[in-house]
Amino acid sequence: MSEKQLSKQTVSVQMPAELVEAMDRYGEAIERPRSWVMREAVSAYLAREDEKNRATRRALADIDAGRVVGHDAVRQWAASLDSDTPLPLPVPRA
């Protein structure tokens, strides 16, 4: 392991007591300490936010390139979903 992978920092944060209690209950249920639960929660949050950011950037690039589905096409498709013959998923214009 590199030196950076081994280094750790202690941080403090104020949280609502109910959240801390929920973390403790969860940690007890899976036999892990609060610090482990917090690290996992922050890691999962950052990974999810990173993916949302990447998805947003991909979507904006699609818009800039004109790869979009018109509002009317989406409305017609959505309205057809409850029918006996739903329309196929609209395809973006290129």
N, C-alpha and C. Protein backbone atom coordinates (compact mmCIF):
# COMPACT_ATOMS: atom_id res chain seq x y z
N MET A 1 0.84 -1.19 0.00
CA MET A 1 0.00 0.00 0.00
C MET A 1 0.88 1.24 0.00
N SER A 2 0.38 2.27 -0.66
CA SER A 2 1.12 3.52 -0.67
C SER A 2 0.92 4.26 0.65
N GLU A 3 1.79 5.24 0.87
CA GLU A 3 1.70 6.03 2.10
C GLU A 3 0.36 6.76 2.17
N LYS A 4 -0.12 7.24 1.00
CA LYS A 4 -1.39 7.96 0.98
C LYS A 4 -2.55 7.05 1.38
N GLN A 5 -2.52 5.79 0.95
CA GLN A 5 -3.59 4.86 1.29
C GLN A 5 -3.62 4.57 2.78
N LEU A 6 -2.46 4.62 3.43
CA LEU A 6 -2.38 4.33 4.85
C LEU A 6 -2.70 5.53 5.73
N SER A 7 -2.57 6.75 5.19
CA SER A 7 -2.78 7.93 6.02
C SER A 7 -4.26 8.13 6.30
N LYS A 8 -4.54 8.60 7.47
CA LYS A 8 -5.92 8.85 7.89
C LYS A 8 -5.96 10.19 8.59
N GLN A 9 -7.13 10.80 8.56
CA GLN A 9 -7.36 12.04 9.29
C GLN A 9 -8.62 11.87 10.12
N THR A 10 -8.61 12.48 11.27
CA THR A 10 -9.79 12.50 12.11
C THR A 10 -10.55 13.77 11.81
N VAL A 11 -11.85 13.64 11.60
CA VAL A 11 -12.72 14.79 11.35
C VAL A 11 -13.86 14.74 12.35
N SER A 12 -14.44 15.89 12.59
CA SER A 12 -15.61 15.91 13.48
C SER A 12 -16.74 16.61 12.75
N VAL A 13 -17.94 16.19 13.06
CA VAL A 13 -19.12 16.77 12.44
C VAL A 13 -20.27 16.69 13.45
N GLN A 14 -21.06 17.73 13.47
CA GLN A 14 -22.25 17.69 14.32
C GLN A 14 -23.40 17.09 13.53
N MET A 15 -24.10 16.15 14.13
CA MET A 15 -25.24 15.48 13.50
C MET A 15 -26.39 15.44 14.48
N PRO A 16 -27.60 15.36 13.94
CA PRO A 16 -28.74 15.19 14.83
C PRO A 16 -28.59 13.88 15.63
N ALA A 17 -28.97 13.92 16.88
CA ALA A 17 -28.84 12.75 17.75
C ALA A 17 -29.55 11.54 17.16
N GLU A 18 -30.68 11.75 16.49
CA GLU A 18 -31.43 10.63 15.91
C GLU A 18 -30.61 9.93 14.84
N LEU A 19 -29.84 10.68 14.07
CA LEU A 19 -29.00 10.09 13.03
C LEU A 19 -27.87 9.28 13.64
N VAL A 20 -27.26 9.81 14.69
CA VAL A 20 -26.19 9.08 15.37
C VAL A 20 -26.75 7.79 15.98
N GLU A 21 -27.92 7.88 16.57
CA GLU A 21 -28.54 6.68 17.16
C GLU A 21 -28.85 5.65 16.08
N ALA A 22 -29.32 6.11 14.93
CA ALA A 22 -29.61 5.18 13.82
C ALA A 22 -28.33 4.51 13.34
N MET A 23 -27.24 5.28 13.24
CA MET A 23 -25.95 4.69 12.85
C MET A 23 -25.50 3.65 13.86
N ASP A 24 -25.66 3.97 15.13
CA ASP A 24 -25.25 3.04 16.17
C ASP A 24 -26.08 1.76 16.12
N ARG A 25 -27.39 1.89 15.93
CA ARG A 25 -28.25 0.71 15.83
C ARG A 25 -27.83 -0.16 14.65
N TYR A 26 -27.58 0.48 13.51
CA TYR A 26 -27.16 -0.25 12.33
C TYR A 26 -25.81 -0.92 12.57
N GLY A 27 -24.87 -0.19 13.14
CA GLY A 27 -23.57 -0.76 13.44
C GLY A 27 -23.66 -1.96 14.36
N GLU A 28 -24.50 -1.87 15.37
CA GLU A 28 -24.69 -3.00 16.28
C GLU A 28 -25.27 -4.19 15.54
N ALA A 29 -26.21 -3.93 14.65
CA ALA A 29 -26.87 -5.01 13.91
C ALA A 29 -25.90 -5.76 13.01
N ILE A 30 -24.92 -5.05 12.46
CA ILE A 30 -23.96 -5.70 11.57
C ILE A 30 -22.60 -5.90 12.22
N GLU A 31 -22.53 -5.62 13.53
CA GLU A 31 -21.33 -5.79 14.33
C GLU A 31 -20.15 -4.99 13.78
N ARG A 32 -20.41 -3.71 13.51
CA ARG A 32 -19.39 -2.79 13.05
C ARG A 32 -19.44 -1.52 13.90
N PRO A 33 -18.30 -0.87 14.10
CA PRO A 33 -18.30 0.36 14.90
C PRO A 33 -18.89 1.54 14.12
N ARG A 34 -19.27 2.55 14.85
CA ARG A 34 -19.83 3.77 14.26
C ARG A 34 -18.91 4.34 13.19
N SER A 35 -17.61 4.36 13.46
CA SER A 35 -16.68 4.93 12.49
C SER A 35 -16.74 4.19 11.15
N TRP A 36 -16.91 2.88 11.18
CA TRP A 36 -17.01 2.10 9.95
C TRP A 36 -18.29 2.48 9.19
N VAL A 37 -19.40 2.57 9.93
CA VAL A 37 -20.66 2.95 9.31
C VAL A 37 -20.55 4.32 8.66
N MET A 38 -19.92 5.26 9.36
CA MET A 38 -19.77 6.61 8.82
C MET A 38 -18.89 6.61 7.57
N ARG A 39 -17.77 5.87 7.59
CA ARG A 39 -16.91 5.81 6.40
C ARG A 39 -17.66 5.22 5.21
N GLU A 40 -18.39 4.14 5.45
CA GLU A 40 -19.14 3.51 4.37
C GLU A 40 -20.22 4.44 3.83
N ALA A 41 -20.91 5.14 4.73
CA ALA A 41 -21.97 6.06 4.31
C ALA A 41 -21.42 7.21 3.48
N VAL A 42 -20.33 7.79 3.92
CA VAL A 42 -19.73 8.91 3.17
C VAL A 42 -19.20 8.41 1.83
N SER A 43 -18.55 7.26 1.82
CA SER A 43 -18.04 6.71 0.56
C SER A 43 -19.17 6.45 -0.43
N ALA A 44 -20.26 5.85 0.05
CA ALA A 44 -21.40 5.56 -0.82
C ALA A 44 -22.03 6.85 -1.33
N TYR A 45 -22.17 7.84 -0.47
CA TYR A 45 -22.74 9.12 -0.87
C TYR A 45 -21.89 9.78 -1.95
N LEU A 46 -20.57 9.81 -1.74
CA LEU A 46 -19.69 10.45 -2.72
C LEU A 46 -19.71 9.70 -4.05
N ALA A 47 -19.75 8.39 -4.02
CA ALA A 47 -19.80 7.61 -5.27
C ALA A 47 -21.11 7.89 -6.01
N ARG A 48 -22.22 7.95 -5.27
CA ARG A 48 -23.53 8.22 -5.89
C ARG A 48 -23.57 9.63 -6.48
N GLU A 49 -23.05 10.61 -5.75
CA GLU A 49 -23.04 11.98 -6.25
C GLU A 49 -22.12 12.12 -7.46
N ASP A 50 -21.00 11.41 -7.45
CA ASP A 50 -20.09 11.43 -8.59
C ASP A 50 -20.78 10.87 -9.83
N GLU A 51 -21.51 9.76 -9.66
CA GLU A 51 -22.22 9.17 -10.80
C GLU A 51 -23.32 10.11 -11.29
N LYS A 52 -24.02 10.76 -10.38
CA LYS A 52 -25.05 11.73 -10.80
C LYS A 52 -24.43 12.86 -11.59
N ASN A 53 -23.26 13.34 -11.15
CA ASN A 53 -22.56 14.41 -11.85
C ASN A 53 -22.16 13.96 -13.25
N ARG A 54 -21.60 12.75 -13.37
CA ARG A 54 -21.21 12.23 -14.68
C ARG A 54 -22.44 12.07 -15.59
N ALA A 55 -23.54 11.55 -15.03
CA ALA A 55 -24.76 11.37 -15.83
C ALA A 55 -25.30 12.72 -16.30
N THR A 56 -25.24 13.72 -15.46
CA THR A 56 -25.69 15.06 -15.84
C THR A 56 -24.83 15.61 -16.97
N ARG A 57 -23.52 15.42 -16.85
CA ARG A 57 -22.61 15.91 -17.91
C ARG A 57 -22.86 15.18 -19.23
N ARG A 58 -23.12 13.86 -19.16
CA ARG A 58 -23.44 13.10 -20.38
C ARG A 58 -24.75 13.61 -20.99
N ALA A 59 -25.73 13.86 -20.15
CA ALA A 59 -27.02 14.36 -20.64
C ALA A 59 -26.87 15.73 -21.28
N LEU A 60 -26.10 16.60 -20.65
CA LEU A 60 -25.87 17.93 -21.23
C LEU A 60 -25.12 17.83 -22.56
N ALA A 61 -24.19 16.90 -22.66
CA ALA A 61 -23.48 16.69 -23.93
C ALA A 61 -24.45 16.20 -25.00
N ASP A 62 -25.39 15.32 -24.63
CA ASP A 62 -26.41 14.86 -25.58
C ASP A 62 -27.26 16.03 -26.05
N ILE A 63 -27.64 16.89 -25.14
CA ILE A 63 -28.45 18.05 -25.50
C ILE A 63 -27.67 18.95 -26.45
N ASP A 64 -26.42 19.22 -26.10
CA ASP A 64 -25.58 20.07 -26.97
C ASP A 64 -25.42 19.48 -28.36
N ALA A 65 -25.40 18.14 -28.45
CA ALA A 65 -25.24 17.46 -29.74
C ALA A 65 -26.57 17.27 -30.46
N GLY A 66 -27.67 17.68 -29.82
CA GLY A 66 -28.98 17.56 -30.45
C GLY A 66 -29.62 16.19 -30.30
N ARG A 67 -29.06 15.33 -29.46
CA ARG A 67 -29.63 14.00 -29.24
C ARG A 67 -30.70 14.11 -28.16
N VAL A 68 -31.90 14.52 -28.58
CA VAL A 68 -33.00 14.76 -27.64
C VAL A 68 -34.28 14.11 -28.15
N VAL A 69 -35.21 13.91 -27.26
CA VAL A 69 -36.55 13.42 -27.59
C VAL A 69 -37.50 14.58 -27.33
N GLY A 70 -38.34 14.88 -28.30
CA GLY A 70 -39.28 15.98 -28.16
C GLY A 70 -40.33 15.73 -27.08
N HIS A 71 -40.80 16.80 -26.50
CA HIS A 71 -41.79 16.73 -25.43
C HIS A 71 -43.05 16.00 -25.88
N ASP A 72 -43.55 16.32 -27.06
CA ASP A 72 -44.77 15.67 -27.54
C ASP A 72 -44.58 14.17 -27.69
N ALA A 73 -43.42 13.74 -28.19
CA ALA A 73 -43.17 12.31 -28.34
C ALA A 73 -43.17 11.61 -26.98
N VAL A 74 -42.59 12.24 -25.97
CA VAL A 74 -42.57 11.66 -24.63
C VAL A 74 -43.98 11.60 -24.06
N ARG A 75 -44.75 12.68 -24.24
CA ARG A 75 -46.13 12.69 -23.73
C ARG A 75 -46.96 11.59 -24.37
N GLN A 76 -46.85 11.43 -25.70
CA GLN A 76 -47.61 10.40 -26.39
C GLN A 76 -47.20 9.01 -25.92
N TRP A 77 -45.90 8.80 -25.77
CA TRP A 77 -45.41 7.50 -25.30
C TRP A 77 -45.92 7.21 -23.88
N ALA A 78 -45.81 8.20 -22.99
CA ALA A 78 -46.25 8.01 -21.60
C ALA A 78 -47.75 7.74 -21.54
N ALA A 79 -48.52 8.46 -22.35
CA ALA A 79 -49.98 8.26 -22.35
C ALA A 79 -50.34 6.87 -22.86
N SER A 80 -49.50 6.30 -23.71
CA SER A 80 -49.82 4.99 -24.29
C SER A 80 -49.50 3.83 -23.35
N LEU A 81 -48.78 4.07 -22.29
CA LEU A 81 -48.32 2.98 -21.43
C LEU A 81 -49.45 2.23 -20.76
N ASP A 82 -50.56 2.88 -20.51
CA ASP A 82 -51.71 2.21 -19.89
C ASP A 82 -52.64 1.58 -20.91
N SER A 83 -52.31 1.67 -22.19
CA SER A 83 -53.18 1.13 -23.23
C SER A 83 -52.80 -0.30 -23.55
N ASP A 84 -53.64 -0.93 -24.36
CA ASP A 84 -53.36 -2.30 -24.81
C ASP A 84 -52.22 -2.35 -25.83
N THR A 85 -51.94 -1.21 -26.45
CA THR A 85 -50.88 -1.16 -27.46
C THR A 85 -49.94 0.02 -27.16
N PRO A 86 -49.07 -0.14 -26.16
CA PRO A 86 -48.16 0.96 -25.84
C PRO A 86 -47.19 1.23 -27.00
N LEU A 87 -46.86 2.49 -27.15
CA LEU A 87 -45.91 2.89 -28.18
C LEU A 87 -44.50 2.47 -27.78
N PRO A 88 -43.61 2.26 -28.76
CA PRO A 88 -42.22 1.97 -28.39
C PRO A 88 -41.56 3.20 -27.77
N LEU A 89 -40.54 2.96 -27.00
CA LEU A 89 -39.79 4.05 -26.37
C LEU A 89 -39.29 5.00 -27.44
N PRO A 90 -39.52 6.30 -27.27
CA PRO A 90 -39.05 7.26 -28.28
C PRO A 90 -37.53 7.23 -28.42
N VAL A 91 -37.07 7.43 -29.64
CA VAL A 91 -35.64 7.42 -29.94
C VAL A 91 -35.18 8.87 -30.12
N PRO A 92 -34.05 9.23 -29.52
CA PRO A 92 -33.56 10.61 -29.67
C PRO A 92 -33.25 10.95 -31.12
N ARG A 93 -33.53 12.20 -31.46
CA ARG A 93 -33.13 12.71 -32.76
C ARG A 93 -31.62 12.90 -32.73
N ALA A 94 -30.98 12.65 -33.84
CA ALA A 94 -29.52 12.83 -33.87
C ALA A 94 -29.12 14.10 -34.53
